[in-house]
């Protein structure tokens, strides 16, 4: 079975655990809503990255609180690119699926749309 990637990103206003939790869970809920075939048991792993200005909590903890207890999750830090988007949580979901790449919807929210302007029409931003 092929492994497909689902990309997503969201920004927060302040580096606070409650903001990281809310933003991460909102991003995951939107990804699940626009990719209804996605189920946690079909996820091979999820890689979360955060910009260097986010240090108060792990986004993976927020996924665990949603019930993703059997999904391998990993958090790491984005490279500090000059003029990069600040306070940004990114993710890459590795999904075991027969669904083709053109049928997968990626999600960029709350200012993170600038990361992938080529997906703007498909990425239902909010």
PDB file of N, CA and C in Angstrom:
ATOM      1  N   UNK A   1       0.843  -1.177   0.000  1.00  0.00           N
ATOM      2  CA  UNK A   1       0.000   0.000   0.000  1.00  0.00           C
ATOM      3  C   UNK A   1       0.891   1.244   0.000  1.00  0.00           C
ATOM      4  N   UNK A   2       0.546   2.221  -0.808  1.00  0.00           N
ATOM      5  CA  UNK A   2       1.348   3.452  -0.820  1.00  0.00           C
ATOM      6  C   UNK A   2       1.195   4.250   0.476  1.00  0.00           C
ATOM      7  N   UNK A   3       2.214   5.024   0.777  1.00  0.00           N
ATOM      8  CA  UNK A   3       2.158   5.979   1.887  1.00  0.00           C
ATOM      9  C   UNK A   3       2.076   7.357   1.258  1.00  0.00           C
ATOM     10  N   UNK A   4       1.074   8.122   1.640  1.00  0.00           N
ATOM     11  CA  UNK A   4       0.871   9.483   1.132  1.00  0.00           C
ATOM     12  C   UNK A   4       1.113  10.471   2.255  1.00  0.00           C
ATOM     13  N   UNK A   5       1.452  11.685   1.887  1.00  0.00           N
ATOM     14  CA  UNK A   5       1.664  12.735   2.872  1.00  0.00           C
ATOM     15  C   UNK A   5       0.531  13.738   2.872  1.00  0.00           C
ATOM     16  N   UNK A   6       0.152  14.143   4.060  1.00  0.00           N
ATOM     17  CA  UNK A   6      -0.783  15.264   4.223  1.00  0.00           C
ATOM     18  C   UNK A   6      -0.019  16.344   4.957  1.00  0.00           C
ATOM     19  N   UNK A   7       0.044  17.524   4.377  1.00  0.00           N
ATOM     20  CA  UNK A   7       0.742  18.636   4.995  1.00  0.00           C
ATOM     21  C   UNK A   7      -0.260  19.592   5.618  1.00  0.00           C
ATOM     22  N   UNK A   8       0.200  20.270   6.654  1.00  0.00           N
ATOM     23  CA  UNK A   8      -0.630  21.277   7.294  1.00  0.00           C
ATOM     24  C   UNK A   8       0.217  22.202   8.139  1.00  0.00           C
ATOM     25  N   UNK A   9      -0.329  23.373   8.408  1.00  0.00           N
ATOM     26  CA  UNK A   9       0.369  24.341   9.262  1.00  0.00           C
ATOM     27  C   UNK A   9      -0.644  25.322   9.822  1.00  0.00           C
ATOM     28  N   UNK A  10      -0.288  25.877  10.970  1.00  0.00           N
ATOM     29  CA  UNK A  10      -1.131  26.862  11.645  1.00  0.00           C
ATOM     30  C   UNK A  10      -0.207  27.729  12.504  1.00  0.00           C
ATOM     31  N   UNK A  11      -0.611  28.944  12.726  1.00  0.00           N
ATOM     32  CA  UNK A  11       0.183  29.817  13.596  1.00  0.00           C
ATOM     33  C   UNK A  11      -0.562  30.053  14.904  1.00  0.00           C
ATOM     34  N   UNK A  12       0.219  30.453  15.910  1.00  0.00           N
ATOM     35  CA  UNK A  12      -0.351  30.839  17.198  1.00  0.00           C
ATOM     36  C   UNK A  12       0.080  32.274  17.483  1.00  0.00           C
ATOM     37  N   UNK A  13      -0.621  32.939  18.391  1.00  0.00           N
ATOM     38  CA  UNK A  13      -0.268  34.313  18.730  1.00  0.00           C
ATOM     39  C   UNK A  13       0.788  34.383  19.821  1.00  0.00           C
ATOM     40  N   UNK A  14       0.688  33.482  20.808  1.00  0.00           N
ATOM     41  CA  UNK A  14       1.648  33.471  21.909  1.00  0.00           C
ATOM     42  C   UNK A  14       2.077  32.042  22.197  1.00  0.00           C
ATOM     43  N   UNK A  15       3.303  31.917  22.664  1.00  0.00           N
ATOM     44  CA  UNK A  15       3.837  30.606  23.023  1.00  0.00           C
ATOM     45  C   UNK A  15       3.314  30.205  24.401  1.00  0.00           C
ATOM     46  N   UNK A  16       2.098  29.681  24.405  1.00  0.00           N
ATOM     47  CA  UNK A  16       1.462  29.211  25.628  1.00  0.00           C
ATOM     48  C   UNK A  16       0.924  27.808  25.370  1.00  0.00           C
ATOM     49  N   UNK A  17       1.062  26.913  26.349  1.00  0.00           N
ATOM     50  CA  UNK A  17       0.580  25.543  26.139  1.00  0.00           C
ATOM     51  C   UNK A  17      -0.870  25.465  25.663  1.00  0.00           C
ATOM     52  N   UNK A  18      -1.734  26.294  26.212  1.00  0.00           N
ATOM     53  CA  UNK A  18      -3.143  26.234  25.804  1.00  0.00           C
ATOM     54  C   UNK A  18      -3.344  26.669  24.353  1.00  0.00           C
ATOM     55  N   UNK A  19      -2.518  27.591  23.858  1.00  0.00           N
ATOM     56  CA  UNK A  19      -2.622  27.996  22.448  1.00  0.00           C
ATOM     57  C   UNK A  19      -2.102  26.908  21.529  1.00  0.00           C
ATOM     58  N   UNK A  20      -1.016  26.264  21.933  1.00  0.00           N
ATOM     59  CA  UNK A  20      -0.473  25.164  21.138  1.00  0.00           C
ATOM     60  C   UNK A  20      -1.496  24.036  21.051  1.00  0.00           C
ATOM     61  N   UNK A  21      -2.114  23.714  22.174  1.00  0.00           N
ATOM     62  CA  UNK A  21      -3.129  22.665  22.200  1.00  0.00           C
ATOM     63  C   UNK A  21      -4.309  23.010  21.307  1.00  0.00           C
ATOM     64  N   UNK A  22      -4.849  24.191  21.471  1.00  0.00           N
ATOM     65  CA  UNK A  22      -6.026  24.592  20.679  1.00  0.00           C
ATOM     66  C   UNK A  22      -5.701  24.592  19.193  1.00  0.00           C
ATOM     67  N   UNK A  23      -4.575  25.183  18.822  1.00  0.00           N
ATOM     68  CA  UNK A  23      -4.213  25.287  17.409  1.00  0.00           C
ATOM     69  C   UNK A  23      -3.944  23.914  16.801  1.00  0.00           C
ATOM     70  N   UNK A  24      -3.210  23.073  17.502  1.00  0.00           N
ATOM     71  CA  UNK A  24      -2.896  21.734  16.994  1.00  0.00           C
ATOM     72  C   UNK A  24      -4.163  20.909  16.827  1.00  0.00           C
ATOM     73  N   UNK A  25      -5.023  20.921  17.822  1.00  0.00           N
ATOM     74  CA  UNK A  25      -6.259  20.143  17.732  1.00  0.00           C
ATOM     75  C   UNK A  25      -7.188  20.694  16.663  1.00  0.00           C
ATOM     76  N   UNK A  26      -7.207  22.000  16.493  1.00  0.00           N
ATOM     77  CA  UNK A  26      -8.030  22.595  15.438  1.00  0.00           C
ATOM     78  C   UNK A  26      -7.493  22.179  14.066  1.00  0.00           C
ATOM     79  N   UNK A  27      -6.184  22.270  13.871  1.00  0.00           N
ATOM     80  CA  UNK A  27      -5.589  21.872  12.597  1.00  0.00           C
ATOM     81  C   UNK A  27      -5.885  20.398  12.294  1.00  0.00           C
ATOM     82  N   UNK A  28      -5.705  19.532  13.265  1.00  0.00           N
ATOM     83  CA  UNK A  28      -5.989  18.112  13.048  1.00  0.00           C
ATOM     84  C   UNK A  28      -7.468  17.872  12.759  1.00  0.00           C
ATOM     85  N   UNK A  29      -8.343  18.570  13.453  1.00  0.00           N
ATOM     86  CA  UNK A  29      -9.786  18.390  13.214  1.00  0.00           C
ATOM     87  C   UNK A  29     -10.176  18.840  11.813  1.00  0.00           C
ATOM     88  N   UNK A  30      -9.565  19.913  11.323  1.00  0.00           N
ATOM     89  CA  UNK A  30      -9.852  20.388   9.961  1.00  0.00           C
ATOM     90  C   UNK A  30      -9.313  19.396   8.926  1.00  0.00           C
ATOM     91  N   UNK A  31      -8.124  18.853   9.174  1.00  0.00           N
ATOM     92  CA  UNK A  31      -7.569  17.856   8.249  1.00  0.00           C
ATOM     93  C   UNK A  31      -8.474  16.637   8.189  1.00  0.00           C
ATOM     94  N   UNK A  32      -8.955  16.180   9.338  1.00  0.00           N
ATOM     95  CA  UNK A  32      -9.875  15.037   9.363  1.00  0.00           C
ATOM     96  C   UNK A  32     -11.190  15.363   8.658  1.00  0.00           C
ATOM     97  N   UNK A  33     -11.671  16.576   8.800  1.00  0.00           N
ATOM     98  CA  UNK A  33     -12.944  16.967   8.185  1.00  0.00           C
ATOM     99  C   UNK A  33     -12.859  16.985   6.658  1.00  0.00           C
ATOM    100  N   UNK A  34     -11.742  17.429   6.113  1.00  0.00           N
ATOM    101  CA  UNK A  34     -11.625  17.529   4.651  1.00  0.00           C
ATOM    102  C   UNK A  34     -11.031  16.281   4.007  1.00  0.00           C
ATOM    103  N   UNK A  35     -10.578  15.356   4.826  1.00  0.00           N
ATOM    104  CA  UNK A  35     -10.092  14.056   4.345  1.00  0.00           C
ATOM    105  C   UNK A  35     -10.841  12.970   5.119  1.00  0.00           C
ATOM    106  N   UNK A  36     -12.142  12.790   4.840  1.00  0.00           N
ATOM    107  CA  UNK A  36     -12.979  11.915   5.668  1.00  0.00           C
ATOM    108  C   UNK A  36     -12.547  10.452   5.693  1.00  0.00           C
ATOM    109  N   UNK A  37     -11.744  10.022   4.740  1.00  0.00           N
ATOM    110  CA  UNK A  37     -11.281   8.635   4.729  1.00  0.00           C
ATOM    111  C   UNK A  37     -10.143   8.403   5.714  1.00  0.00           C
ATOM    112  N   UNK A  38      -9.533   9.474   6.200  1.00  0.00           N
ATOM    113  CA  UNK A  38      -8.392   9.372   7.107  1.00  0.00           C
ATOM    114  C   UNK A  38      -8.843   8.880   8.476  1.00  0.00           C
ATOM    115  N   UNK A  39      -8.203   7.824   8.949  1.00  0.00           N
ATOM    116  CA  UNK A  39      -8.490   7.273  10.278  1.00  0.00           C
ATOM    117  C   UNK A  39      -7.158   7.052  10.989  1.00  0.00           C
ATOM    118  N   UNK A  40      -7.112   7.329  12.285  1.00  0.00           N
ATOM    119  CA  UNK A  40      -5.852   7.158  13.010  1.00  0.00           C
ATOM    120  C   UNK A  40      -5.189   5.794  12.819  1.00  0.00           C
ATOM    121  N   UNK A  41      -5.962   4.739  12.671  1.00  0.00           N
ATOM    122  CA  UNK A  41      -5.357   3.410  12.509  1.00  0.00           C
ATOM    123  C   UNK A  41      -4.642   3.246  11.161  1.00  0.00           C
ATOM    124  N   UNK A  42      -4.873   4.163  10.228  1.00  0.00           N
ATOM    125  CA  UNK A  42      -4.196   4.124   8.927  1.00  0.00           C
ATOM    126  C   UNK A  42      -2.993   5.064   8.858  1.00  0.00           C
ATOM    127  N   UNK A  43      -2.692   5.751   9.950  1.00  0.00           N
ATOM    128  CA  UNK A  43      -1.582   6.701   9.960  1.00  0.00           C
ATOM    129  C   UNK A  43      -0.310   5.974  10.378  1.00  0.00           C
ATOM    130  N   UNK A  44       0.703   6.049   9.522  1.00  0.00           N
ATOM    131  CA  UNK A  44       1.993   5.423   9.823  1.00  0.00           C
ATOM    132  C   UNK A  44       2.740   6.228  10.877  1.00  0.00           C
ATOM    133  N   UNK A  45       2.701   7.558  10.762  1.00  0.00           N
ATOM    134  CA  UNK A  45       3.359   8.436  11.726  1.00  0.00           C
ATOM    135  C   UNK A  45       3.008   9.884  11.412  1.00  0.00           C
ATOM    136  N   UNK A  46       3.298  10.758  12.367  1.00  0.00           N
ATOM    137  CA  UNK A  46       3.113  12.188  12.172  1.00  0.00           C
ATOM    138  C   UNK A  46       4.361  12.897  12.677  1.00  0.00           C
ATOM    139  N   UNK A  47       4.873  13.775  11.837  1.00  0.00           N
ATOM    140  CA  UNK A  47       6.006  14.612  12.202  1.00  0.00           C
ATOM    141  C   UNK A  47       5.497  16.041  12.401  1.00  0.00           C
ATOM    142  N   UNK A  48       5.695  16.570  13.602  1.00  0.00           N
ATOM    143  CA  UNK A  48       5.357  17.960  13.900  1.00  0.00           C
ATOM    144  C   UNK A  48       6.649  18.761  13.951  1.00  0.00           C
ATOM    145  N   UNK A  49       6.629  19.962  13.388  1.00  0.00           N
ATOM    146  CA  UNK A  49       7.738  20.882  13.595  1.00  0.00           C
ATOM    147  C   UNK A  49       7.178  22.182  14.142  1.00  0.00           C
ATOM    148  N   UNK A  50       8.005  22.866  14.903  1.00  0.00           N
ATOM    149  CA  UNK A  50       7.628  24.185  15.421  1.00  0.00           C
ATOM    150  C   UNK A  50       8.791  25.138  15.162  1.00  0.00           C
ATOM    151  N   UNK A  51       8.460  26.400  15.005  1.00  0.00           N
ATOM    152  CA  UNK A  51       9.492  27.412  14.840  1.00  0.00           C
ATOM    153  C   UNK A  51      10.203  27.603  16.178  1.00  0.00           C
ATOM    154  N   UNK A  52      11.433  28.145  16.162  1.00  0.00           N
ATOM    155  CA  UNK A  52      12.216  28.271  17.395  1.00  0.00           C
ATOM    156  C   UNK A  52      11.556  29.104  18.495  1.00  0.00           C
ATOM    157  N   UNK A  53      10.545  29.894  18.151  1.00  0.00           N
ATOM    158  CA  UNK A  53       9.867  30.724  19.151  1.00  0.00           C
ATOM    159  C   UNK A  53       8.733  29.985  19.869  1.00  0.00           C
ATOM    160  N   UNK A  54       8.577  28.698  19.600  1.00  0.00           N
ATOM    161  CA  UNK A  54       7.588  27.870  20.305  1.00  0.00           C
ATOM    162  C   UNK A  54       8.350  26.839  21.132  1.00  0.00           C
ATOM    163  N   UNK A  55       8.204  26.957  22.464  1.00  0.00           N
ATOM    164  CA  UNK A  55       8.944  26.070  23.368  1.00  0.00           C
ATOM    165  C   UNK A  55       8.137  25.608  24.575  1.00  0.00           C
ATOM    166  N   UNK A  56       6.902  26.062  24.711  1.00  0.00           N
ATOM    167  CA  UNK A  56       6.183  25.797  25.962  1.00  0.00           C
ATOM    168  C   UNK A  56       5.473  24.443  26.014  1.00  0.00           C
ATOM    169  N   UNK A  57       5.309  23.774  24.867  1.00  0.00           N
ATOM    170  CA  UNK A  57       4.657  22.465  24.880  1.00  0.00           C
ATOM    171  C   UNK A  57       4.909  21.760  23.559  1.00  0.00           C
ATOM    172  N   UNK A  58       4.608  20.463  23.557  1.00  0.00           N
ATOM    173  CA  UNK A  58       4.741  19.633  22.365  1.00  0.00           C
ATOM    174  C   UNK A  58       3.392  19.542  21.647  1.00  0.00           C
ATOM    175  N   UNK A  59       3.339  19.823  20.344  1.00  0.00           N
ATOM    176  CA  UNK A  59       2.084  19.601  19.612  1.00  0.00           C
ATOM    177  C   UNK A  59       1.634  18.143  19.667  1.00  0.00           C
ATOM    178  N   UNK A  60       2.567  17.212  19.734  1.00  0.00           N
ATOM    179  CA  UNK A  60       2.200  15.792  19.792  1.00  0.00           C
ATOM    180  C   UNK A  60       1.330  15.477  21.004  1.00  0.00           C
ATOM    181  N   UNK A  61       1.569  16.164  22.104  1.00  0.00           N
ATOM    182  CA  UNK A  61       0.743  15.943  23.304  1.00  0.00           C
ATOM    183  C   UNK A  61      -0.735  16.228  22.994  1.00  0.00           C
ATOM    184  N   UNK A  62      -0.970  17.249  22.191  1.00  0.00           N
ATOM    185  CA  UNK A  62      -2.341  17.611  21.823  1.00  0.00           C
ATOM    186  C   UNK A  62      -2.992  16.542  20.958  1.00  0.00           C
ATOM    187  N   UNK A  63      -2.209  15.916  20.084  1.00  0.00           N
ATOM    188  CA  UNK A  63      -2.737  14.818  19.272  1.00  0.00           C
ATOM    189  C   UNK A  63      -3.071  13.623  20.146  1.00  0.00           C
ATOM    190  N   UNK A  64      -2.223  13.339  21.124  1.00  0.00           N
ATOM    191  CA  UNK A  64      -2.497  12.231  22.050  1.00  0.00           C
ATOM    192  C   UNK A  64      -3.815  12.463  22.782  1.00  0.00           C
ATOM    193  N   UNK A  65      -4.059  13.711  23.172  1.00  0.00           N
ATOM    194  CA  UNK A  65      -5.304  14.033  23.884  1.00  0.00           C
ATOM    195  C   UNK A  65      -6.534  13.852  22.998  1.00  0.00           C
ATOM    196  N   UNK A  66      -6.347  13.855  21.684  1.00  0.00           N
ATOM    197  CA  UNK A  66      -7.452  13.574  20.761  1.00  0.00           C
ATOM    198  C   UNK A  66      -7.681  12.082  20.586  1.00  0.00           C
ATOM    199  N   UNK A  67      -6.841  11.264  21.218  1.00  0.00           N
ATOM    200  CA  UNK A  67      -7.000   9.822  21.111  1.00  0.00           C
ATOM    201  C   UNK A  67      -6.015   9.152  20.174  1.00  0.00           C
ATOM    202  N   UNK A  68      -5.053   9.887  19.654  1.00  0.00           N
ATOM    203  CA  UNK A  68      -4.074   9.310  18.744  1.00  0.00           C
ATOM    204  C   UNK A  68      -2.972   8.632  19.555  1.00  0.00           C
ATOM    205  N   UNK A  69      -3.352   7.667  20.370  1.00  0.00           N
ATOM    206  CA  UNK A  69      -2.408   7.038  21.298  1.00  0.00           C
ATOM    207  C   UNK A  69      -1.571   5.946  20.651  1.00  0.00           C
ATOM    208  N   UNK A  70      -2.008   5.385  19.532  1.00  0.00           N
ATOM    209  CA  UNK A  70      -1.264   4.328  18.858  1.00  0.00           C
ATOM    210  C   UNK A  70      -0.493   4.834  17.644  1.00  0.00           C
ATOM    211  N   UNK A  71      -0.567   6.137  17.380  1.00  0.00           N
ATOM    212  CA  UNK A  71       0.126   6.734  16.237  1.00  0.00           C
ATOM    213  C   UNK A  71       1.511   7.212  16.680  1.00  0.00           C
ATOM    214  N   UNK A  72       2.570   6.789  15.998  1.00  0.00           N
ATOM    215  CA  UNK A  72       3.892   7.318  16.327  1.00  0.00           C
ATOM    216  C   UNK A  72       3.958   8.819  15.995  1.00  0.00           C
ATOM    217  N   UNK A  73       4.309   9.624  16.978  1.00  0.00           N
ATOM    218  CA  UNK A  73       4.362  11.078  16.820  1.00  0.00           C
ATOM    219  C   UNK A  73       5.752  11.573  17.190  1.00  0.00           C
ATOM    220  N   UNK A  74       6.229  12.582  16.476  1.00  0.00           N
ATOM    221  CA  UNK A  74       7.541  13.147  16.762  1.00  0.00           C
ATOM    222  C   UNK A  74       7.487  14.653  16.564  1.00  0.00           C
ATOM    223  N   UNK A  75       8.077  15.385  17.506  1.00  0.00           N
ATOM    224  CA  UNK A  75       8.185  16.840  17.397  1.00  0.00           C
ATOM    225  C   UNK A  75       9.642  17.214  17.197  1.00  0.00           C
ATOM    226  N   UNK A  76       9.872  18.213  16.378  1.00  0.00           N
ATOM    227  CA  UNK A  76      11.212  18.733  16.153  1.00  0.00           C
ATOM    228  C   UNK A  76      11.110  20.221  15.842  1.00  0.00           C
ATOM    229  N   UNK A  77      12.254  20.874  15.777  1.00  0.00           N
ATOM    230  CA  UNK A  77      12.263  22.305  15.545  1.00  0.00           C
ATOM    231  C   UNK A  77      12.585  22.600  14.085  1.00  0.00           C
ATOM    232  N   UNK A  78      11.862  23.564  13.520  1.00  0.00           N
ATOM    233  CA  UNK A  78      12.148  24.055  12.172  1.00  0.00           C
ATOM    234  C   UNK A  78      13.508  24.738  12.164  1.00  0.00           C
ATOM    235  N   UNK A  79      14.153  24.755  11.036  1.00  0.00           N
ATOM    236  CA  UNK A  79      15.392  25.518  10.936  1.00  0.00           C
ATOM    237  C   UNK A  79      15.040  27.004  10.991  1.00  0.00           C
ATOM    238  N   UNK A  80      15.875  27.814  11.636  1.00  0.00           N
ATOM    239  CA  UNK A  80      15.554  29.239  11.809  1.00  0.00           C
ATOM    240  C   UNK A  80      15.896  30.074  10.575  1.00  0.00           C
ATOM    241  N   UNK A  81      15.091  29.960   9.548  1.00  0.00           N
ATOM    242  CA  UNK A  81      15.309  30.698   8.303  1.00  0.00           C
ATOM    243  C   UNK A  81      15.003  32.179   8.537  1.00  0.00           C
ATOM    244  N   UNK A  82      15.902  33.079   8.115  1.00  0.00           N
ATOM    245  CA  UNK A  82      15.615  34.513   8.275  1.00  0.00           C
ATOM    246  C   UNK A  82      14.302  34.890   7.590  1.00  0.00           C
ATOM    247  N   UNK A  83      13.518  35.683   8.263  1.00  0.00           N
ATOM    248  CA  UNK A  83      12.223  36.155   7.766  1.00  0.00           C
ATOM    249  C   UNK A  83      11.194  35.038   7.579  1.00  0.00           C
ATOM    250  N   UNK A  84      11.398  33.909   8.251  1.00  0.00           N
ATOM    251  CA  UNK A  84      10.434  32.820   8.186  1.00  0.00           C
ATOM    252  C   UNK A  84       9.169  33.168   8.958  1.00  0.00           C
ATOM    253  N   UNK A  85       8.118  32.433   8.711  1.00  0.00           N
ATOM    254  CA  UNK A  85       6.848  32.652   9.393  1.00  0.00           C
ATOM    255  C   UNK A  85       6.994  32.327  10.877  1.00  0.00           C
ATOM    256  N   UNK A  86       6.760  33.301  11.765  1.00  0.00           N
ATOM    257  CA  UNK A  86       6.940  33.046  13.201  1.00  0.00           C
ATOM    258  C   UNK A  86       5.771  32.285  13.820  1.00  0.00           C
ATOM    259  N   UNK A  87       6.050  31.692  14.975  1.00  0.00           N
ATOM    260  CA  UNK A  87       5.051  30.991  15.797  1.00  0.00           C
ATOM    261  C   UNK A  87       4.184  30.046  14.958  1.00  0.00           C
ATOM    262  N   UNK A  88       4.863  29.189  14.243  1.00  0.00           N
ATOM    263  CA  UNK A  88       4.179  28.292  13.315  1.00  0.00           C
ATOM    264  C   UNK A  88       4.385  26.831  13.712  1.00  0.00           C
ATOM    265  N   UNK A  89       3.283  26.099  13.709  1.00  0.00           N
ATOM    266  CA  UNK A  89       3.278  24.652  13.926  1.00  0.00           C
ATOM    267  C   UNK A  89       2.993  24.015  12.570  1.00  0.00           C
ATOM    268  N   UNK A  90       3.874  23.136  12.149  1.00  0.00           N
ATOM    269  CA  UNK A  90       3.685  22.427  10.884  1.00  0.00           C
ATOM    270  C   UNK A  90       3.550  20.935  11.188  1.00  0.00           C
ATOM    271  N   UNK A  91       2.932  20.230  10.247  1.00  0.00           N
ATOM    272  CA  UNK A  91       2.863  18.782  10.399  1.00  0.00           C
ATOM    273  C   UNK A  91       2.923  18.092   9.060  1.00  0.00           C
ATOM    274  N   UNK A  92       3.369  16.859   9.109  1.00  0.00           N
ATOM    275  CA  UNK A  92       3.361  15.962   7.961  1.00  0.00           C
ATOM    276  C   UNK A  92       2.828  14.627   8.459  1.00  0.00           C
ATOM    277  N   UNK A  93       1.646  14.281   7.961  1.00  0.00           N
ATOM    278  CA  UNK A  93       1.025  12.996   8.311  1.00  0.00           C
ATOM    279  C   UNK A  93       1.398  11.991   7.228  1.00  0.00           C
ATOM    280  N   UNK A  94       1.947  10.851   7.628  1.00  0.00           N
ATOM    281  CA  UNK A  94       2.243   9.752   6.705  1.00  0.00           C
ATOM    282  C   UNK A  94       1.062   8.783   6.761  1.00  0.00           C
ATOM    283  N   UNK A  95       0.313   8.739   5.661  1.00  0.00           N
ATOM    284  CA  UNK A  95      -0.960   8.026   5.626  1.00  0.00           C
ATOM    285  C   UNK A  95      -0.870   6.823   4.691  1.00  0.00           C
ATOM    286  N   UNK A  96      -1.144   5.646   5.222  1.00  0.00           N
ATOM    287  CA  UNK A  96      -1.227   4.425   4.415  1.00  0.00           C
ATOM    288  C   UNK A  96      -2.585   4.427   3.717  1.00  0.00           C
ATOM    289  N   UNK A  97      -2.577   4.678   2.405  1.00  0.00           N
ATOM    290  CA  UNK A  97      -3.844   4.784   1.686  1.00  0.00           C
ATOM    291  C   UNK A  97      -3.661   4.522   0.201  1.00  0.00           C
ATOM    292  N   UNK A  98      -4.700   4.026  -0.409  1.00  0.00           N
ATOM    293  CA  UNK A  98      -4.734   3.842  -1.864  1.00  0.00           C
ATOM    294  C   UNK A  98      -5.223   5.114  -2.560  1.00  0.00           C
ATOM    295  N   UNK A  99      -5.678   6.081  -1.794  1.00  0.00           N
ATOM    296  CA  UNK A  99      -6.178   7.337  -2.364  1.00  0.00           C
ATOM    297  C   UNK A  99      -5.032   8.063  -3.058  1.00  0.00           C
ATOM    298  N   UNK A 100      -5.294   8.585  -4.232  1.00  0.00           N
ATOM    299  CA  UNK A 100      -4.269   9.288  -4.994  1.00  0.00           C
ATOM    300  C   UNK A 100      -3.955  10.658  -4.416  1.00  0.00           C
ATOM    301  N   UNK A 101      -2.754  11.159  -4.697  1.00  0.00           N
ATOM    302  CA  UNK A 101      -2.337  12.455  -4.153  1.00  0.00           C
ATOM    303  C   UNK A 101      -3.271  13.606  -4.513  1.00  0.00           C
ATOM    304  N   UNK A 102      -3.876  13.568  -5.677  1.00  0.00           N
ATOM    305  CA  UNK A 102      -4.752  14.672  -6.085  1.00  0.00           C
ATOM    306  C   UNK A 102      -6.061  14.704  -5.297  1.00  0.00           C
ATOM    307  N   UNK A 103      -6.374  13.635  -4.570  1.00  0.00           N
ATOM    308  CA  UNK A 103      -7.603  13.578  -3.775  1.00  0.00           C
ATOM    309  C   UNK A 103      -7.372  13.942  -2.307  1.00  0.00           C
ATOM    310  N   UNK A 104      -6.137  14.265  -1.961  1.00  0.00           N
ATOM    311  CA  UNK A 104      -5.798  14.613  -0.583  1.00  0.00           C
ATOM    312  C   UNK A 104      -5.837  16.126  -0.430  1.00  0.00           C
ATOM    313  N   UNK A 105      -6.436  16.583   0.659  1.00  0.00           N
ATOM    314  CA  UNK A 105      -6.508  18.017   0.922  1.00  0.00           C
ATOM    315  C   UNK A 105      -5.570  18.374   2.064  1.00  0.00           C
ATOM    316  N   UNK A 106      -4.676  19.297   1.786  1.00  0.00           N
ATOM    317  CA  UNK A 106      -3.734  19.815   2.771  1.00  0.00           C
ATOM    318  C   UNK A 106      -4.385  21.030   3.441  1.00  0.00           C
ATOM    319  N   UNK A 107      -3.910  21.416   4.614  1.00  0.00           N
ATOM    320  CA  UNK A 107      -4.586  22.468   5.372  1.00  0.00           C
ATOM    321  C   UNK A 107      -3.581  23.464   5.928  1.00  0.00           C
ATOM    322  N   UNK A 108      -3.712  24.722   5.520  1.00  0.00           N
ATOM    323  CA  UNK A 108      -2.876  25.821   6.002  1.00  0.00           C
ATOM    324  C   UNK A 108      -3.805  26.897   6.555  1.00  0.00           C
ATOM    325  N   UNK A 109      -3.653  27.203   7.850  1.00  0.00           N
ATOM    326  CA  UNK A 109      -4.609  28.054   8.547  1.00  0.00           C
ATOM    327  C   UNK A 109      -3.935  29.206   9.287  1.00  0.00           C
ATOM    328  N   UNK A 110      -4.727  30.234   9.549  1.00  0.00           N
ATOM    329  CA  UNK A 110      -4.324  31.355  10.411  1.00  0.00           C
ATOM    330  C   UNK A 110      -2.996  31.989  10.006  1.00  0.00           C
ATOM    331  N   UNK A 111      -2.893  32.314   8.755  1.00  0.00           N
ATOM    332  CA  UNK A 111      -1.699  32.974   8.258  1.00  0.00           C
ATOM    333  C   UNK A 111      -0.686  32.044   7.645  1.00  0.00           C
ATOM    334  N   UNK A 112      -0.805  30.748   7.872  1.00  0.00           N
ATOM    335  CA  UNK A 112       0.156  29.791   7.322  1.00  0.00           C
ATOM    336  C   UNK A 112      -0.072  29.531   5.833  1.00  0.00           C
ATOM    337  N   UNK A 113      -1.118  30.092   5.273  1.00  0.00           N
ATOM    338  CA  UNK A 113      -1.388  29.929   3.839  1.00  0.00           C
ATOM    339  C   UNK A 113      -0.218  30.436   2.992  1.00  0.00           C
ATOM    340  N   UNK A 114       0.555  31.387   3.535  1.00  0.00           N
ATOM    341  CA  UNK A 114       1.690  31.942   2.791  1.00  0.00           C
ATOM    342  C   UNK A 114       2.774  30.893   2.534  1.00  0.00           C
ATOM    343  N   UNK A 115       2.770  29.809   3.293  1.00  0.00           N
ATOM    344  CA  UNK A 115       3.768  28.757   3.105  1.00  0.00           C
ATOM    345  C   UNK A 115       3.555  27.983   1.806  1.00  0.00           C
ATOM    346  N   UNK A 116       2.312  27.856   1.390  1.00  0.00           N
ATOM    347  CA  UNK A 116       1.988  27.112   0.175  1.00  0.00           C
ATOM    348  C   UNK A 116       0.921  27.846  -0.629  1.00  0.00           C
ATOM    349  N   UNK A 117       1.277  28.986  -1.226  1.00  0.00           N
ATOM    350  CA  UNK A 117       0.284  29.725  -2.008  1.00  0.00           C
ATOM    351  C   UNK A 117      -0.245  28.925  -3.197  1.00  0.00           C
ATOM    352  N   UNK A 118       0.522  27.945  -3.665  1.00  0.00           N
ATOM    353  CA  UNK A 118       0.074  27.101  -4.769  1.00  0.00           C
ATOM    354  C   UNK A 118      -1.100  26.216  -4.381  1.00  0.00           C
ATOM    355  N   UNK A 119      -1.315  26.012  -3.080  1.00  0.00           N
ATOM    356  CA  UNK A 119      -2.438  25.193  -2.607  1.00  0.00           C
ATOM    357  C   UNK A 119      -3.600  26.033  -2.108  1.00  0.00           C
ATOM    358  N   UNK A 120      -3.491  27.346  -2.244  1.00  0.00           N
ATOM    359  CA  UNK A 120      -4.493  28.234  -1.645  1.00  0.00           C
ATOM    360  C   UNK A 120      -5.924  27.875  -2.023  1.00  0.00           C
ATOM    361  N   UNK A 121      -6.174  27.550  -3.277  1.00  0.00           N
ATOM    362  CA  UNK A 121      -7.535  27.237  -3.704  1.00  0.00           C
ATOM    363  C   UNK A 121      -8.032  25.923  -3.126  1.00  0.00           C
ATOM    364  N   UNK A 122      -7.105  25.006  -2.813  1.00  0.00           N
ATOM    365  CA  UNK A 122      -7.500  23.703  -2.313  1.00  0.00           C
ATOM    366  C   UNK A 122      -7.464  23.616  -0.796  1.00  0.00           C
ATOM    367  N   UNK A 123      -6.779  24.533  -0.140  1.00  0.00           N
ATOM    368  CA  UNK A 123      -6.492  24.384   1.297  1.00  0.00           C
ATOM    369  C   UNK A 123      -7.489  25.086   2.212  1.00  0.00           C
ATOM    370  N   UNK A 124      -8.711  25.208   1.845  1.00  0.00           N
ATOM    371  CA  UNK A 124      -9.776  25.741   2.712  1.00  0.00           C
ATOM    372  C   UNK A 124      -9.263  26.504   3.936  1.00  0.00           C
ATOM    373  N   UNK A 125      -8.740  27.653   3.733  1.00  0.00           N
ATOM    374  CA  UNK A 125      -8.142  28.398   4.848  1.00  0.00           C
ATOM    375  C   UNK A 125      -9.194  29.066   5.723  1.00  0.00           C
ATOM    376  N   UNK A 126      -8.775  29.307   6.985  1.00  0.00           N
ATOM    377  CA  UNK A 126      -9.628  30.027   7.935  1.00  0.00           C
ATOM    378  C   UNK A 126      -8.760  30.892   8.788  1.00  0.00           C
TER     379      UNK A 126
END
